[in-house]
Protein backbone atom coordinates (compact mmCIF):
# COMPACT_ATOMS: atom_id res chain seq x y z
CA MET A 1 -0.20 0.18 -0.52
CA ASN A 2 1.82 3.10 -1.07
CA ASP A 3 -1.21 5.89 -1.02
CA VAL A 4 -3.66 6.97 1.35
CA THR A 5 -6.43 6.50 -1.14
CA ASP A 6 -5.44 2.73 -1.56
CA LYS A 7 -8.03 0.41 -0.60
CA MET A 8 -8.04 -2.87 1.20
CA SER A 9 -9.96 -5.76 1.03
CA VAL A 10 -12.69 -6.51 3.73
CA ASN A 11 -14.72 -9.37 4.71
CA VAL A 12 -17.13 -9.60 7.24
CA ARG A 13 -20.46 -11.28 8.12
CA VAL A 14 -22.99 -8.50 8.92
CA ASN A 15 -26.14 -10.06 10.34
CA GLY A 16 -25.69 -13.53 8.56
CA ARG A 17 -24.63 -12.35 5.32
CA GLN A 18 -21.38 -12.35 3.80
CA TYR A 19 -20.18 -9.10 2.29
CA THR A 20 -16.43 -8.25 0.73
CA SER A 21 -15.89 -5.00 -0.44
CA ASP A 22 -12.80 -3.01 -1.00
CA VAL A 23 -12.78 0.00 1.20
CA GLU A 24 -10.39 3.22 2.30
CA PRO A 25 -8.08 1.80 4.96
CA ARG A 26 -9.71 4.94 7.02
CA LYS A 27 -13.14 4.38 6.86
CA SER A 28 -14.44 3.51 10.04
CA PRO A 29 -17.31 0.24 10.43
CA ALA A 30 -20.32 2.84 10.97
CA ASP A 31 -19.51 4.29 7.65
CA PHE A 32 -18.83 1.09 5.69
CA LEU A 33 -22.24 -0.41 7.30
CA ARG A 34 -24.26 2.57 6.46
CA LYS A 35 -22.81 3.37 3.13
CA ASP A 36 -21.35 0.90 1.80
CA ILE A 37 -23.68 -1.97 2.64
CA GLY A 38 -27.14 -0.09 3.78
CA VAL A 39 -27.30 -1.05 7.46
CA THR A 40 -28.48 2.35 8.62
CA GLY A 41 -29.61 0.93 12.26
CA VAL A 42 -25.67 1.92 13.15
CA HIS A 43 -26.14 5.87 14.34
CA PRO A 44 -22.51 7.65 14.39
CA GLY A 45 -23.53 10.38 17.10
CA CYS A 46 -20.85 11.70 18.64
CA GLU A 47 -17.79 10.00 16.36
CA HIS A 48 -15.69 9.77 19.40
CA GLY A 49 -16.96 6.54 21.19
CA VAL A 50 -18.80 8.75 23.63
CA CYS A 51 -22.53 8.32 22.90
CA GLY A 52 -22.71 4.47 22.13
CA ALA A 53 -25.27 5.11 19.50
CA CYS A 54 -23.10 3.45 16.88
CA THR A 55 -22.59 0.32 19.34
CA ILE A 56 -22.32 -3.15 17.70
CA LEU A 57 -21.41 -6.46 18.25
CA LEU A 58 -17.94 -7.46 16.61
CA ASP A 59 -17.59 -11.51 17.14
CA GLY A 60 -20.26 -11.14 20.20
CA ARG A 61 -18.35 -7.95 21.64
CA SER A 62 -19.68 -4.70 21.89
CA VAL A 63 -17.79 -2.03 20.06
CA ARG A 64 -18.34 1.36 18.95
CA ALA A 65 -18.19 1.40 15.25
CA CYS A 66 -17.04 4.98 15.22
CA CYS A 67 -13.43 4.37 16.72
CA MET A 68 -12.24 1.70 15.07
CA LEU A 69 -11.05 0.74 11.23
CA ALA A 70 -13.61 -1.35 9.03
CA VAL A 71 -10.37 -2.85 8.20
CA GLN A 72 -9.81 -4.35 11.49
CA ALA A 73 -13.54 -6.00 11.11
CA ASP A 74 -11.83 -8.07 8.56
CA GLY A 75 -13.00 -11.80 9.26
CA ALA A 76 -15.70 -10.96 11.80
CA GLU A 77 -19.26 -11.52 12.52
CA VAL A 78 -20.65 -8.08 13.17
CA THR A 79 -24.33 -8.08 14.62
CA THR A 80 -26.45 -4.57 14.34
CA VAL A 81 -29.61 -3.90 15.35
CA GLU A 82 -31.55 -5.15 12.14
CA GLY A 83 -29.99 -8.61 12.87
CA LEU A 84 -31.54 -8.70 16.52
CA ALA A 85 -35.24 -9.89 15.01
CA GLN A 86 -35.52 -13.55 13.95
CA ASP A 87 -38.00 -14.40 11.10
CA GLY A 88 -40.40 -11.86 11.64
CA GLU A 89 -40.32 -11.78 15.40
CA LEU A 90 -38.90 -8.91 17.41
CA HIS A 91 -35.75 -9.78 19.57
CA PRO A 92 -36.91 -9.84 23.43
CA LEU A 93 -35.08 -6.99 23.98
CA GLN A 94 -36.27 -5.08 21.07
CA GLU A 95 -39.95 -6.12 22.42
CA ALA A 96 -39.35 -5.21 26.21
CA PHE A 97 -38.40 -1.83 24.83
CA TRP A 98 -41.46 -1.36 22.61
CA LYS A 99 -43.45 -2.71 25.41
CA HIS A 100 -41.69 -0.34 28.54
CA HIS A 101 -41.29 2.27 26.36
CA GLY A 102 -37.67 2.09 26.64
CA LEU A 103 -37.61 4.40 23.45
CA GLN A 104 -38.56 8.10 22.61
CA CYS A 105 -36.85 9.57 19.57
CA GLY A 106 -35.19 6.37 18.98
CA PHE A 107 -31.51 7.37 18.32
CA CYS A 108 -29.77 5.89 20.66
CA THR A 109 -32.15 2.52 21.15
CA PRO A 110 -29.55 0.59 18.35
CA GLY A 111 -26.90 1.02 20.52
CA MET A 112 -28.64 0.57 23.77
CA LEU A 113 -30.03 -2.92 22.65
CA MET A 114 -26.61 -3.96 21.48
CA THR A 115 -25.02 -2.95 24.99
CA ALA A 116 -28.12 -4.80 26.62
CA CYS A 117 -27.38 -8.12 24.42
CA GLU A 118 -23.88 -8.28 25.55
CA MET A 119 -24.37 -7.96 28.96
CA LEU A 120 -27.41 -10.30 29.02
CA ALA A 121 -25.00 -12.73 27.36
CA ASP A 122 -22.74 -12.41 30.19
CA ASN A 123 -24.97 -11.95 32.47
CA PRO A 124 -28.25 -13.13 32.20
CA CYS A 125 -29.79 -12.11 35.76
CA PRO A 126 -28.12 -8.63 36.39
CA SER A 127 -29.56 -6.38 39.24
CA ARG A 128 -31.09 -3.22 38.54
CA GLU A 129 -27.45 -1.71 39.48
CA GLN A 130 -25.50 -4.24 37.07
CA ILE A 131 -27.89 -2.89 34.43
CA ARG A 132 -27.26 0.96 35.03
CA ASP A 133 -23.52 0.30 35.12
CA GLY A 134 -23.74 -1.92 32.16
CA ILE A 135 -25.44 0.62 29.89
CA SER A 136 -23.71 3.42 31.34
CA GLY A 137 -21.61 4.40 28.50
CA ASN A 138 -24.66 4.48 26.50
CA MET A 139 -26.02 8.32 26.07
CA CYS A 140 -29.63 8.85 26.17
CA ARG A 141 -31.26 12.41 26.30
CA CYS A 142 -35.02 11.71 25.97
CA THR A 143 -35.72 8.50 28.69
CA GLY A 144 -34.04 9.05 31.73
CA TYR A 145 -33.00 5.59 31.61
CA GLN A 146 -35.46 4.53 33.64
CA PHE A 147 -37.83 2.84 30.98
CA ILE A 148 -34.72 1.55 29.36
CA VAL A 149 -33.35 -0.14 32.80
CA ASP A 150 -37.26 -1.68 33.31
CA ALA A 151 -36.84 -3.10 29.76
CA ILE A 152 -33.69 -4.57 30.65
CA GLU A 153 -34.98 -6.28 33.78
CA ASP A 154 -38.06 -7.44 32.54
CA VAL A 155 -36.28 -9.48 29.92
CA ALA A 156 -33.99 -10.78 32.55
CA ARG A 157 -36.56 -11.90 34.60
CA GLN A 158 -38.13 -13.65 31.99
CA SER A 159 -35.01 -15.57 30.98
CA ASP A 160 -34.31 -16.43 34.78
CA GLN A 161 -37.95 -17.64 35.03
CA SER A 162 -37.75 -20.01 31.84
CA SER A 163 -34.19 -21.08 33.11
CA ALA A 164 -36.07 -22.19 36.49
């Protein structure tokens, strides 16, 4: 690679579908997902990794899609909010956010959902304090977090009841 404008190949699986594309080395996953393959649920907000609206799962771990390079995702499995619903059915977290009014303007919602997915995968039965701590890296200017915490807690309770 001799020039900053040279492109690099990225091979990534997004929401179960394989994509290969040549990208500029400086392109972020947020821009790659939105502009190159049309996955618009990734919301670049602050573009500094502070707000969390662009959170995606990269090989099951949450990352800020504005703070890394698309080429770093080469060979990875990426899950975005579009990948949560299966067979036309909302993911339990999506359903709970709707039920508990855990979204208002919706800008932070995709990042919150992805963060909550990872949190519940790591700890299926978090306390309210653990939920608040788990989403503390995601900013919401509309809800005051109460309904978001209620929604995540509801999914955790459902998971706990189904495993009992």
